[in-house]
């Protein structure tokens, strides 16, 4: 991999893990809500919210994965433009991920889901 600082590389891995957990938890909660209560006028907004959470996290996961691949192929060093793009993505994801996690927890709390 090109000269990506270790701290940034670890941050990317941690964010990908967090995003994958968000996608998994949102999808599991959506499935659980549907199985327990069905698709009703009361559950539809919550089912949609959980689907939206997973759909918002998915492109961020893909963007980080694609950045890792580009960086691995960028030899001998990463361009400043690429590094800037990665850093902007990291900052955005770090700001957005807690809101996604809260959305899941709010739905789970509202419906007493595990």
PDB file of N, CA and C in Angstrom:
ATOM      1  N   UNK A   1       0.851  -1.166   0.000  1.00  0.00           N
ATOM      2  CA  UNK A   1       0.000   0.000   0.000  1.00  0.00           C
ATOM      3  C   UNK A   1       0.896   1.228   0.000  1.00  0.00           C
ATOM      4  N   UNK A   2       0.473   2.254  -0.686  1.00  0.00           N
ATOM      5  CA  UNK A   2       1.239   3.490  -0.721  1.00  0.00           C
ATOM      6  C   UNK A   2       1.385   4.032   0.692  1.00  0.00           C
ATOM      7  N   UNK A   3       2.120   5.090   0.823  1.00  0.00           N
ATOM      8  CA  UNK A   3       2.495   5.628   2.128  1.00  0.00           C
ATOM      9  C   UNK A   3       1.333   6.279   2.873  1.00  0.00           C
ATOM     10  N   UNK A   4       0.347   5.488   3.228  1.00  0.00           N
ATOM     11  CA  UNK A   4      -0.767   5.967   4.032  1.00  0.00           C
ATOM     12  C   UNK A   4      -0.373   5.836   5.491  1.00  0.00           C
ATOM     13  N   UNK A   5      -0.443   6.921   6.253  1.00  0.00           N
ATOM     14  CA  UNK A   5      -0.075   6.826   7.669  1.00  0.00           C
ATOM     15  C   UNK A   5      -0.884   5.734   8.385  1.00  0.00           C
ATOM     16  N   UNK A   6      -0.221   5.021   9.279  1.00  0.00           N
ATOM     17  CA  UNK A   6      -0.834   3.907   9.995  1.00  0.00           C
ATOM     18  C   UNK A   6      -2.113   4.329  10.704  1.00  0.00           C
ATOM     19  N   UNK A   7      -2.104   5.500  11.314  1.00  0.00           N
ATOM     20  CA  UNK A   7      -3.290   5.973  12.045  1.00  0.00           C
ATOM     21  C   UNK A   7      -4.496   6.125  11.114  1.00  0.00           C
ATOM     22  N   UNK A   8      -4.258   6.639   9.928  1.00  0.00           N
ATOM     23  CA  UNK A   8      -5.352   6.808   8.965  1.00  0.00           C
ATOM     24  C   UNK A   8      -5.828   5.451   8.471  1.00  0.00           C
ATOM     25  N   UNK A   9      -4.895   4.549   8.198  1.00  0.00           N
ATOM     26  CA  UNK A   9      -5.266   3.204   7.755  1.00  0.00           C
ATOM     27  C   UNK A   9      -6.112   2.500   8.814  1.00  0.00           C
ATOM     28  N   UNK A  10      -5.735   2.624  10.071  1.00  0.00           N
ATOM     29  CA  UNK A  10      -6.503   2.012  11.158  1.00  0.00           C
ATOM     30  C   UNK A  10      -7.874   2.666  11.306  1.00  0.00           C
ATOM     31  N   UNK A  11      -7.919   3.964  11.111  1.00  0.00           N
ATOM     32  CA  UNK A  11      -9.202   4.674  11.176  1.00  0.00           C
ATOM     33  C   UNK A  11     -10.140   4.157  10.093  1.00  0.00           C
ATOM     34  N   UNK A  12      -9.619   3.952   8.903  1.00  0.00           N
ATOM     35  CA  UNK A  12     -10.432   3.428   7.800  1.00  0.00           C
ATOM     36  C   UNK A  12     -10.978   2.054   8.162  1.00  0.00           C
ATOM     37  N   UNK A  13     -10.129   1.165   8.668  1.00  0.00           N
ATOM     38  CA  UNK A  13     -10.586  -0.179   9.054  1.00  0.00           C
ATOM     39  C   UNK A  13     -11.646  -0.106  10.143  1.00  0.00           C
ATOM     40  N   UNK A  14     -11.433   0.754  11.125  1.00  0.00           N
ATOM     41  CA  UNK A  14     -12.405   0.889  12.215  1.00  0.00           C
ATOM     42  C   UNK A  14     -13.734   1.439  11.715  1.00  0.00           C
ATOM     43  N   UNK A  15     -13.678   2.408  10.816  1.00  0.00           N
ATOM     44  CA  UNK A  15     -14.918   2.962  10.269  1.00  0.00           C
ATOM     45  C   UNK A  15     -15.658   1.941   9.413  1.00  0.00           C
ATOM     46  N   UNK A  16     -14.915   1.167   8.641  1.00  0.00           N
ATOM     47  CA  UNK A  16     -15.568   0.126   7.845  1.00  0.00           C
ATOM     48  C   UNK A  16     -16.254  -0.892   8.744  1.00  0.00           C
ATOM     49  N   UNK A  17     -15.595  -1.263   9.829  1.00  0.00           N
ATOM     50  CA  UNK A  17     -16.187  -2.195  10.791  1.00  0.00           C
ATOM     51  C   UNK A  17     -17.448  -1.579  11.406  1.00  0.00           C
ATOM     52  N   UNK A  18     -17.376  -0.306  11.774  1.00  0.00           N
ATOM     53  CA  UNK A  18     -18.525   0.391  12.356  1.00  0.00           C
ATOM     54  C   UNK A  18     -19.677   0.474  11.352  1.00  0.00           C
ATOM     55  N   UNK A  19     -19.367   0.802  10.119  1.00  0.00           N
ATOM     56  CA  UNK A  19     -20.413   0.891   9.090  1.00  0.00           C
ATOM     57  C   UNK A  19     -21.045  -0.474   8.829  1.00  0.00           C
ATOM     58  N   UNK A  20     -20.232  -1.514   8.791  1.00  0.00           N
ATOM     59  CA  UNK A  20     -20.765  -2.856   8.595  1.00  0.00           C
ATOM     60  C   UNK A  20     -21.667  -3.250   9.759  1.00  0.00           C
ATOM     61  N   UNK A  21     -21.272  -2.878  10.972  1.00  0.00           N
ATOM     62  CA  UNK A  21     -22.118  -3.137  12.143  1.00  0.00           C
ATOM     63  C   UNK A  21     -23.437  -2.373  12.037  1.00  0.00           C
ATOM     64  N   UNK A  22     -23.382  -1.143  11.576  1.00  0.00           N
ATOM     65  CA  UNK A  22     -24.600  -0.335  11.409  1.00  0.00           C
ATOM     66  C   UNK A  22     -25.521  -0.994  10.393  1.00  0.00           C
ATOM     67  N   UNK A  23     -24.969  -1.397   9.270  1.00  0.00           N
ATOM     68  CA  UNK A  23     -25.773  -2.045   8.227  1.00  0.00           C
ATOM     69  C   UNK A  23     -26.402  -3.325   8.766  1.00  0.00           C
ATOM     70  N   UNK A  24     -25.601  -4.126   9.445  1.00  0.00           N
ATOM     71  CA  UNK A  24     -26.090  -5.378  10.001  1.00  0.00           C
ATOM     72  C   UNK A  24     -27.172  -5.137  11.053  1.00  0.00           C
ATOM     73  N   UNK A  25     -26.944  -4.197  11.951  1.00  0.00           N
ATOM     74  CA  UNK A  25     -27.905  -3.942  13.026  1.00  0.00           C
ATOM     75  C   UNK A  25     -29.213  -3.359  12.476  1.00  0.00           C
ATOM     76  N   UNK A  26     -29.109  -2.455  11.511  1.00  0.00           N
ATOM     77  CA  UNK A  26     -30.319  -1.871  10.912  1.00  0.00           C
ATOM     78  C   UNK A  26     -31.125  -2.940  10.182  1.00  0.00           C
ATOM     79  N   UNK A  27     -30.441  -3.781   9.440  1.00  0.00           N
ATOM     80  CA  UNK A  27     -31.111  -4.837   8.688  1.00  0.00           C
ATOM     81  C   UNK A  27     -31.751  -5.860   9.627  1.00  0.00           C
ATOM     82  N   UNK A  28     -31.030  -6.217  10.691  1.00  0.00           N
ATOM     83  CA  UNK A  28     -31.572  -7.168  11.660  1.00  0.00           C
ATOM     84  C   UNK A  28     -32.785  -6.584  12.385  1.00  0.00           C
ATOM     85  N   UNK A  29     -32.702  -5.307  12.757  1.00  0.00           N
ATOM     86  CA  UNK A  29     -33.832  -4.667  13.436  1.00  0.00           C
ATOM     87  C   UNK A  29     -35.032  -4.573  12.504  1.00  0.00           C
ATOM     88  N   UNK A  30     -34.781  -4.257  11.248  1.00  0.00           N
ATOM     89  CA  UNK A  30     -35.871  -4.191  10.270  1.00  0.00           C
ATOM     90  C   UNK A  30     -36.547  -5.554  10.137  1.00  0.00           C
ATOM     91  N   UNK A  31     -35.761  -6.586  10.026  1.00  0.00           N
ATOM     92  CA  UNK A  31     -36.295  -7.937   9.912  1.00  0.00           C
ATOM     93  C   UNK A  31     -37.073  -8.325  11.164  1.00  0.00           C
ATOM     94  N   UNK A  32     -36.512  -8.020  12.320  1.00  0.00           N
ATOM     95  CA  UNK A  32     -37.150  -8.343  13.590  1.00  0.00           C
ATOM     96  C   UNK A  32     -38.483  -7.603  13.735  1.00  0.00           C
ATOM     97  N   UNK A  33     -38.489  -6.324  13.414  1.00  0.00           N
ATOM     98  CA  UNK A  33     -39.713  -5.531  13.497  1.00  0.00           C
ATOM     99  C   UNK A  33     -40.778  -6.090  12.566  1.00  0.00           C
ATOM    100  N   UNK A  34     -40.388  -6.420  11.350  1.00  0.00           N
ATOM    101  CA  UNK A  34     -41.332  -6.969  10.378  1.00  0.00           C
ATOM    102  C   UNK A  34     -41.879  -8.319  10.839  1.00  0.00           C
ATOM    103  N   UNK A  35     -40.997  -9.185  11.324  1.00  0.00           N
ATOM    104  CA  UNK A  35     -41.429 -10.511  11.766  1.00  0.00           C
ATOM    105  C   UNK A  35     -42.360 -10.445  12.973  1.00  0.00           C
ATOM    106  N   UNK A  36     -42.096  -9.516  13.880  1.00  0.00           N
ATOM    107  CA  UNK A  36     -42.897  -9.433  15.106  1.00  0.00           C
ATOM    108  C   UNK A  36     -44.227  -8.700  14.910  1.00  0.00           C
ATOM    109  N   UNK A  37     -44.218  -7.648  14.076  1.00  0.00           N
ATOM    110  CA  UNK A  37     -45.394  -6.793  13.989  1.00  0.00           C
ATOM    111  C   UNK A  37     -45.972  -6.651  12.582  1.00  0.00           C
ATOM    112  N   UNK A  38     -45.253  -7.155  11.594  1.00  0.00           N
ATOM    113  CA  UNK A  38     -45.743  -7.075  10.223  1.00  0.00           C
ATOM    114  C   UNK A  38     -45.580  -5.681   9.628  1.00  0.00           C
ATOM    115  N   UNK A  39     -46.143  -5.539   8.446  1.00  0.00           N
ATOM    116  CA  UNK A  39     -46.084  -4.263   7.735  1.00  0.00           C
ATOM    117  C   UNK A  39     -47.440  -3.588   7.885  1.00  0.00           C
ATOM    118  N   UNK A  40     -47.496  -2.651   8.804  1.00  0.00           N
ATOM    119  CA  UNK A  40     -48.735  -1.937   9.081  1.00  0.00           C
ATOM    120  C   UNK A  40     -48.485  -0.445   8.923  1.00  0.00           C
ATOM    121  N   UNK A  41     -49.557   0.322   8.997  1.00  0.00           N
ATOM    122  CA  UNK A  41     -49.388   1.772   8.898  1.00  0.00           C
ATOM    123  C   UNK A  41     -48.527   2.300  10.043  1.00  0.00           C
ATOM    124  N   UNK A  42     -48.505   1.601  11.158  1.00  0.00           N
ATOM    125  CA  UNK A  42     -47.681   2.019  12.294  1.00  0.00           C
ATOM    126  C   UNK A  42     -46.208   1.644  12.120  1.00  0.00           C
ATOM    127  N   UNK A  43     -45.949   0.494  11.512  1.00  0.00           N
ATOM    128  CA  UNK A  43     -44.561   0.035  11.409  1.00  0.00           C
ATOM    129  C   UNK A  43     -43.850   0.547  10.160  1.00  0.00           C
ATOM    130  N   UNK A  44     -44.590   0.876   9.121  1.00  0.00           N
ATOM    131  CA  UNK A  44     -43.960   1.270   7.851  1.00  0.00           C
ATOM    132  C   UNK A  44     -42.948   2.402   8.009  1.00  0.00           C
ATOM    133  N   UNK A  45     -43.255   3.483   8.733  1.00  0.00           N
ATOM    134  CA  UNK A  45     -42.236   4.536   8.867  1.00  0.00           C
ATOM    135  C   UNK A  45     -40.960   4.045   9.547  1.00  0.00           C
ATOM    136  N   UNK A  46     -41.094   3.137  10.487  1.00  0.00           N
ATOM    137  CA  UNK A  46     -39.936   2.614  11.203  1.00  0.00           C
ATOM    138  C   UNK A  46     -39.155   1.629  10.341  1.00  0.00           C
ATOM    139  N   UNK A  47     -39.868   0.810   9.583  1.00  0.00           N
ATOM    140  CA  UNK A  47     -39.199  -0.091   8.642  1.00  0.00           C
ATOM    141  C   UNK A  47     -38.434   0.719   7.602  1.00  0.00           C
ATOM    142  N   UNK A  48     -39.058   1.787   7.124  1.00  0.00           N
ATOM    143  CA  UNK A  48     -38.398   2.661   6.150  1.00  0.00           C
ATOM    144  C   UNK A  48     -37.166   3.331   6.749  1.00  0.00           C
ATOM    145  N   UNK A  49     -37.266   3.756   7.983  1.00  0.00           N
ATOM    146  CA  UNK A  49     -36.134   4.406   8.653  1.00  0.00           C
ATOM    147  C   UNK A  49     -34.953   3.445   8.760  1.00  0.00           C
ATOM    148  N   UNK A  50     -35.222   2.218   9.143  1.00  0.00           N
ATOM    149  CA  UNK A  50     -34.140   1.239   9.264  1.00  0.00           C
ATOM    150  C   UNK A  50     -33.523   0.920   7.903  1.00  0.00           C
ATOM    151  N   UNK A  51     -34.355   0.796   6.892  1.00  0.00           N
ATOM    152  CA  UNK A  51     -33.836   0.561   5.542  1.00  0.00           C
ATOM    153  C   UNK A  51     -32.986   1.749   5.099  1.00  0.00           C
ATOM    154  N   UNK A  52     -33.454   2.956   5.416  1.00  0.00           N
ATOM    155  CA  UNK A  52     -32.726   4.173   5.059  1.00  0.00           C
ATOM    156  C   UNK A  52     -31.358   4.209   5.741  1.00  0.00           C
ATOM    157  N   UNK A  53     -31.300   3.811   6.994  1.00  0.00           N
ATOM    158  CA  UNK A  53     -30.021   3.786   7.721  1.00  0.00           C
ATOM    159  C   UNK A  53     -29.031   2.874   7.001  1.00  0.00           C
ATOM    160  N   UNK A  54     -29.466   1.670   6.661  1.00  0.00           N
ATOM    161  CA  UNK A  54     -28.576   0.729   5.963  1.00  0.00           C
ATOM    162  C   UNK A  54     -28.164   1.280   4.603  1.00  0.00           C
ATOM    163  N   UNK A  55     -29.102   1.905   3.911  1.00  0.00           N
ATOM    164  CA  UNK A  55     -28.800   2.463   2.586  1.00  0.00           C
ATOM    165  C   UNK A  55     -27.855   3.658   2.674  1.00  0.00           C
ATOM    166  N   UNK A  56     -27.894   4.400   3.753  1.00  0.00           N
ATOM    167  CA  UNK A  56     -26.974   5.534   3.925  1.00  0.00           C
ATOM    168  C   UNK A  56     -25.574   5.059   4.287  1.00  0.00           C
ATOM    169  N   UNK A  57     -25.473   3.979   5.039  1.00  0.00           N
ATOM    170  CA  UNK A  57     -24.161   3.474   5.460  1.00  0.00           C
ATOM    171  C   UNK A  57     -23.438   2.722   4.346  1.00  0.00           C
ATOM    172  N   UNK A  58     -24.187   2.074   3.479  1.00  0.00           N
ATOM    173  CA  UNK A  58     -23.590   1.219   2.451  1.00  0.00           C
ATOM    174  C   UNK A  58     -22.632   1.966   1.511  1.00  0.00           C
ATOM    175  N   UNK A  59     -23.017   3.116   0.958  1.00  0.00           N
ATOM    176  CA  UNK A  59     -22.071   3.797   0.064  1.00  0.00           C
ATOM    177  C   UNK A  59     -20.800   4.280   0.773  1.00  0.00           C
ATOM    178  N   UNK A  60     -20.917   4.617   2.050  1.00  0.00           N
ATOM    179  CA  UNK A  60     -19.720   5.027   2.781  1.00  0.00           C
ATOM    180  C   UNK A  60     -18.761   3.850   2.930  1.00  0.00           C
ATOM    181  N   UNK A  61     -19.298   2.671   3.207  1.00  0.00           N
ATOM    182  CA  UNK A  61     -18.457   1.477   3.292  1.00  0.00           C
ATOM    183  C   UNK A  61     -17.760   1.240   1.949  1.00  0.00           C
ATOM    184  N   UNK A  62     -18.523   1.335   0.873  1.00  0.00           N
ATOM    185  CA  UNK A  62     -17.964   1.124  -0.469  1.00  0.00           C
ATOM    186  C   UNK A  62     -16.905   2.173  -0.802  1.00  0.00           C
ATOM    187  N   UNK A  63     -17.178   3.410  -0.431  1.00  0.00           N
ATOM    188  CA  UNK A  63     -16.224   4.489  -0.729  1.00  0.00           C
ATOM    189  C   UNK A  63     -14.894   4.233  -0.027  1.00  0.00           C
ATOM    190  N   UNK A  64     -14.947   3.826   1.229  1.00  0.00           N
ATOM    191  CA  UNK A  64     -13.699   3.539   1.947  1.00  0.00           C
ATOM    192  C   UNK A  64     -12.968   2.341   1.354  1.00  0.00           C
ATOM    193  N   UNK A  65     -13.717   1.318   0.963  1.00  0.00           N
ATOM    194  CA  UNK A  65     -13.095   0.141   0.343  1.00  0.00           C
ATOM    195  C   UNK A  65     -12.435   0.511  -0.977  1.00  0.00           C
ATOM    196  N   UNK A  66     -13.133   1.293  -1.775  1.00  0.00           N
ATOM    197  CA  UNK A  66     -12.561   1.737  -3.057  1.00  0.00           C
ATOM    198  C   UNK A  66     -11.325   2.598  -2.837  1.00  0.00           C
ATOM    199  N   UNK A  67     -11.361   3.449  -1.832  1.00  0.00           N
ATOM    200  CA  UNK A  67     -10.197   4.279  -1.531  1.00  0.00           C
ATOM    201  C   UNK A  67      -9.009   3.403  -1.144  1.00  0.00           C
ATOM    202  N   UNK A  68      -9.260   2.368  -0.345  1.00  0.00           N
ATOM    203  CA  UNK A  68      -8.180   1.462   0.033  1.00  0.00           C
ATOM    204  C   UNK A  68      -7.558   0.809  -1.194  1.00  0.00           C
ATOM    205  N   UNK A  69      -8.398   0.382  -2.123  1.00  0.00           N
ATOM    206  CA  UNK A  69      -7.876  -0.243  -3.343  1.00  0.00           C
ATOM    207  C   UNK A  69      -7.067   0.738  -4.181  1.00  0.00           C
ATOM    208  N   UNK A  70      -7.573   1.944  -4.319  1.00  0.00           N
ATOM    209  CA  UNK A  70      -6.840   2.962  -5.092  1.00  0.00           C
ATOM    210  C   UNK A  70      -5.500   3.281  -4.440  1.00  0.00           C
ATOM    211  N   UNK A  71      -5.528   3.384  -3.125  1.00  0.00           N
ATOM    212  CA  UNK A  71      -4.292   3.691  -2.405  1.00  0.00           C
ATOM    213  C   UNK A  71      -3.292   2.552  -2.566  1.00  0.00           C
ATOM    214  N   UNK A  72      -3.767   1.312  -2.496  1.00  0.00           N
ATOM    215  CA  UNK A  72      -2.882   0.153  -2.660  1.00  0.00           C
ATOM    216  C   UNK A  72      -2.227   0.146  -4.035  1.00  0.00           C
ATOM    217  N   UNK A  73      -2.932   0.655  -5.033  1.00  0.00           N
ATOM    218  CA  UNK A  73      -2.398   0.690  -6.391  1.00  0.00           C
ATOM    219  C   UNK A  73      -1.611   1.960  -6.684  1.00  0.00           C
ATOM    220  N   UNK A  74      -1.636   2.915  -5.798  1.00  0.00           N
ATOM    221  CA  UNK A  74      -0.925   4.178  -5.990  1.00  0.00           C
ATOM    222  C   UNK A  74       0.484   4.031  -5.440  1.00  0.00           C
ATOM    223  N   UNK A  75       1.408   3.720  -6.298  1.00  0.00           N
ATOM    224  CA  UNK A  75       2.789   3.532  -5.863  1.00  0.00           C
ATOM    225  C   UNK A  75       3.665   4.576  -6.530  1.00  0.00           C
ATOM    226  N   UNK A  76       4.655   5.088  -5.942  1.00  0.00           N
ATOM    227  CA  UNK A  76       5.138   4.723  -4.617  1.00  0.00           C
ATOM    228  C   UNK A  76       4.462   5.495  -3.480  1.00  0.00           C
ATOM    229  N   UNK A  77       3.657   6.491  -3.824  1.00  0.00           N
ATOM    230  CA  UNK A  77       3.041   7.254  -2.741  1.00  0.00           C
ATOM    231  C   UNK A  77       1.635   7.694  -3.145  1.00  0.00           C
ATOM    232  N   UNK A  78       0.866   8.060  -2.142  1.00  0.00           N
ATOM    233  CA  UNK A  78      -0.494   8.514  -2.355  1.00  0.00           C
ATOM    234  C   UNK A  78      -0.464  10.010  -2.704  1.00  0.00           C
ATOM    235  N   UNK A  79      -1.307  10.402  -3.644  1.00  0.00           N
ATOM    236  CA  UNK A  79      -1.350  11.812  -4.020  1.00  0.00           C
ATOM    237  C   UNK A  79      -2.038  12.621  -2.926  1.00  0.00           C
ATOM    238  N   UNK A  80      -1.731  13.885  -2.865  1.00  0.00           N
ATOM    239  CA  UNK A  80      -2.354  14.741  -1.857  1.00  0.00           C
ATOM    240  C   UNK A  80      -3.855  14.858  -2.095  1.00  0.00           C
ATOM    241  N   UNK A  81      -4.283  14.828  -3.357  1.00  0.00           N
ATOM    242  CA  UNK A  81      -5.714  14.883  -3.668  1.00  0.00           C
ATOM    243  C   UNK A  81      -6.439  13.647  -3.128  1.00  0.00           C
ATOM    244  N   UNK A  82      -5.826  12.496  -3.307  1.00  0.00           N
ATOM    245  CA  UNK A  82      -6.421  11.256  -2.808  1.00  0.00           C
ATOM    246  C   UNK A  82      -6.478  11.278  -1.288  1.00  0.00           C
ATOM    247  N   UNK A  83      -5.414  11.725  -0.667  1.00  0.00           N
ATOM    248  CA  UNK A  83      -5.386  11.794   0.795  1.00  0.00           C
ATOM    249  C   UNK A  83      -6.441  12.777   1.300  1.00  0.00           C
ATOM    250  N   UNK A  84      -6.596  13.908   0.626  1.00  0.00           N
ATOM    251  CA  UNK A  84      -7.628  14.884   1.010  1.00  0.00           C
ATOM    252  C   UNK A  84      -9.014  14.275   0.899  1.00  0.00           C
ATOM    253  N   UNK A  85      -9.272  13.553  -0.170  1.00  0.00           N
ATOM    254  CA  UNK A  85     -10.572  12.906  -0.367  1.00  0.00           C
ATOM    255  C   UNK A  85     -10.837  11.877   0.737  1.00  0.00           C
ATOM    256  N   UNK A  86      -9.838  11.098   1.081  1.00  0.00           N
ATOM    257  CA  UNK A  86      -9.972  10.102   2.144  1.00  0.00           C
ATOM    258  C   UNK A  86     -10.261  10.798   3.473  1.00  0.00           C
ATOM    259  N   UNK A  87      -9.539  11.857   3.756  1.00  0.00           N
ATOM    260  CA  UNK A  87      -9.733  12.566   5.021  1.00  0.00           C
ATOM    261  C   UNK A  87     -11.124  13.200   5.099  1.00  0.00           C
ATOM    262  N   UNK A  88     -11.608  13.744   3.984  1.00  0.00           N
ATOM    263  CA  UNK A  88     -12.965  14.301   3.960  1.00  0.00           C
ATOM    264  C   UNK A  88     -13.998  13.208   4.203  1.00  0.00           C
ATOM    265  N   UNK A  89     -13.802  12.054   3.589  1.00  0.00           N
ATOM    266  CA  UNK A  89     -14.721  10.930   3.794  1.00  0.00           C
ATOM    267  C   UNK A  89     -14.709  10.488   5.249  1.00  0.00           C
ATOM    268  N   UNK A  90     -13.528  10.391   5.833  1.00  0.00           N
ATOM    269  CA  UNK A  90     -13.399   9.988   7.233  1.00  0.00           C
ATOM    270  C   UNK A  90     -14.161  10.963   8.130  1.00  0.00           C
ATOM    271  N   UNK A  91     -13.953  12.241   7.919  1.00  0.00           N
ATOM    272  CA  UNK A  91     -14.617  13.256   8.749  1.00  0.00           C
ATOM    273  C   UNK A  91     -16.135  13.183   8.614  1.00  0.00           C
ATOM    274  N   UNK A  92     -16.610  13.013   7.406  1.00  0.00           N
ATOM    275  CA  UNK A  92     -18.055  12.939   7.175  1.00  0.00           C
ATOM    276  C   UNK A  92     -18.644  11.699   7.839  1.00  0.00           C
ATOM    277  N   UNK A  93     -17.988  10.579   7.665  1.00  0.00           N
ATOM    278  CA  UNK A  93     -18.480   9.326   8.255  1.00  0.00           C
ATOM    279  C   UNK A  93     -18.457   9.419   9.775  1.00  0.00           C
ATOM    280  N   UNK A  94     -17.393   9.954  10.335  1.00  0.00           N
ATOM    281  CA  UNK A  94     -17.312  10.087  11.790  1.00  0.00           C
ATOM    282  C   UNK A  94     -18.422  10.985  12.332  1.00  0.00           C
ATOM    283  N   UNK A  95     -18.844  11.952  11.546  1.00  0.00           N
ATOM    284  CA  UNK A  95     -19.930  12.834  11.969  1.00  0.00           C
ATOM    285  C   UNK A  95     -21.293  12.176  11.794  1.00  0.00           C
ATOM    286  N   UNK A  96     -21.455  11.367  10.746  1.00  0.00           N
ATOM    287  CA  UNK A  96     -22.754  10.785  10.428  1.00  0.00           C
ATOM    288  C   UNK A  96     -23.040   9.469  11.147  1.00  0.00           C
ATOM    289  N   UNK A  97     -22.039   8.666  11.401  1.00  0.00           N
ATOM    290  CA  UNK A  97     -22.249   7.336  11.985  1.00  0.00           C
ATOM    291  C   UNK A  97     -22.998   7.368  13.321  1.00  0.00           C
ATOM    292  N   UNK A  98     -22.671   8.264  14.242  1.00  0.00           N
ATOM    293  CA  UNK A  98     -23.430   8.284  15.497  1.00  0.00           C
ATOM    294  C   UNK A  98     -24.927   8.544  15.295  1.00  0.00           C
ATOM    295  N   UNK A  99     -25.284   9.367  14.336  1.00  0.00           N
ATOM    296  CA  UNK A  99     -26.703   9.625  14.057  1.00  0.00           C
ATOM    297  C   UNK A  99     -27.373   8.372  13.508  1.00  0.00           C
ATOM    298  N   UNK A 100     -26.678   7.637  12.675  1.00  0.00           N
ATOM    299  CA  UNK A 100     -27.226   6.389  12.150  1.00  0.00           C
ATOM    300  C   UNK A 100     -27.452   5.388  13.284  1.00  0.00           C
ATOM    301  N   UNK A 101     -26.485   5.295  14.169  1.00  0.00           N
ATOM    302  CA  UNK A 101     -26.610   4.383  15.310  1.00  0.00           C
ATOM    303  C   UNK A 101     -27.772   4.802  16.217  1.00  0.00           C
ATOM    304  N   UNK A 102     -27.921   6.099  16.433  1.00  0.00           N
ATOM    305  CA  UNK A 102     -29.040   6.586  17.260  1.00  0.00           C
ATOM    306  C   UNK A 102     -30.384   6.257  16.624  1.00  0.00           C
ATOM    307  N   UNK A 103     -30.473   6.389  15.312  1.00  0.00           N
ATOM    308  CA  UNK A 103     -31.728   6.062  14.623  1.00  0.00           C
ATOM    309  C   UNK A 103     -32.123   4.612  14.873  1.00  0.00           C
ATOM    310  N   UNK A 104     -31.172   3.727  14.789  1.00  0.00           N
ATOM    311  CA  UNK A 104     -31.446   2.307  15.036  1.00  0.00           C
ATOM    312  C   UNK A 104     -31.913   2.119  16.475  1.00  0.00           C
ATOM    313  N   UNK A 105     -31.200   2.712  17.419  1.00  0.00           N
ATOM    314  CA  UNK A 105     -31.543   2.545  18.829  1.00  0.00           C
ATOM    315  C   UNK A 105     -32.921   3.115  19.147  1.00  0.00           C
ATOM    316  N   UNK A 106     -33.269   4.226  18.508  1.00  0.00           N
ATOM    317  CA  UNK A 106     -34.587   4.819  18.746  1.00  0.00           C
ATOM    318  C   UNK A 106     -35.708   3.897  18.275  1.00  0.00           C
ATOM    319  N   UNK A 107     -35.535   3.299  17.106  1.00  0.00           N
ATOM    320  CA  UNK A 107     -36.543   2.374  16.598  1.00  0.00           C
ATOM    321  C   UNK A 107     -36.634   1.152  17.504  1.00  0.00           C
ATOM    322  N   UNK A 108     -35.473   0.618  17.880  1.00  0.00           N
ATOM    323  CA  UNK A 108     -35.474  -0.562  18.742  1.00  0.00           C
ATOM    324  C   UNK A 108     -36.128  -0.260  20.085  1.00  0.00           C
ATOM    325  N   UNK A 109     -35.883   0.901  20.601  1.00  0.00           N
ATOM    326  CA  UNK A 109     -36.490   1.313  21.875  1.00  0.00           C
ATOM    327  C   UNK A 109     -38.000   1.497  21.728  1.00  0.00           C
ATOM    328  N   UNK A 110     -38.409   2.146  20.668  1.00  0.00           N
ATOM    329  CA  UNK A 110     -39.833   2.411  20.419  1.00  0.00           C
ATOM    330  C   UNK A 110     -40.634   1.115  20.341  1.00  0.00           C
ATOM    331  N   UNK A 111     -40.032   0.078  19.764  1.00  0.00           N
ATOM    332  CA  UNK A 111     -40.742  -1.183  19.547  1.00  0.00           C
ATOM    333  C   UNK A 111     -40.271  -2.293  20.479  1.00  0.00           C
ATOM    334  N   UNK A 112     -39.444  -1.943  21.458  1.00  0.00           N
ATOM    335  CA  UNK A 112     -38.915  -2.934  22.408  1.00  0.00           C
ATOM    336  C   UNK A 112     -38.272  -4.121  21.701  1.00  0.00           C
ATOM    337  N   UNK A 113     -37.419  -3.804  20.738  1.00  0.00           N
ATOM    338  CA  UNK A 113     -36.716  -4.840  19.994  1.00  0.00           C
ATOM    339  C   UNK A 113     -35.380  -5.141  20.676  1.00  0.00           C
ATOM    340  N   UNK A 114     -34.961  -6.383  20.586  1.00  0.00           N
ATOM    341  CA  UNK A 114     -33.658  -6.729  21.200  1.00  0.00           C
ATOM    342  C   UNK A 114     -32.504  -6.096  20.451  1.00  0.00           C
TER     343      UNK A 114
END
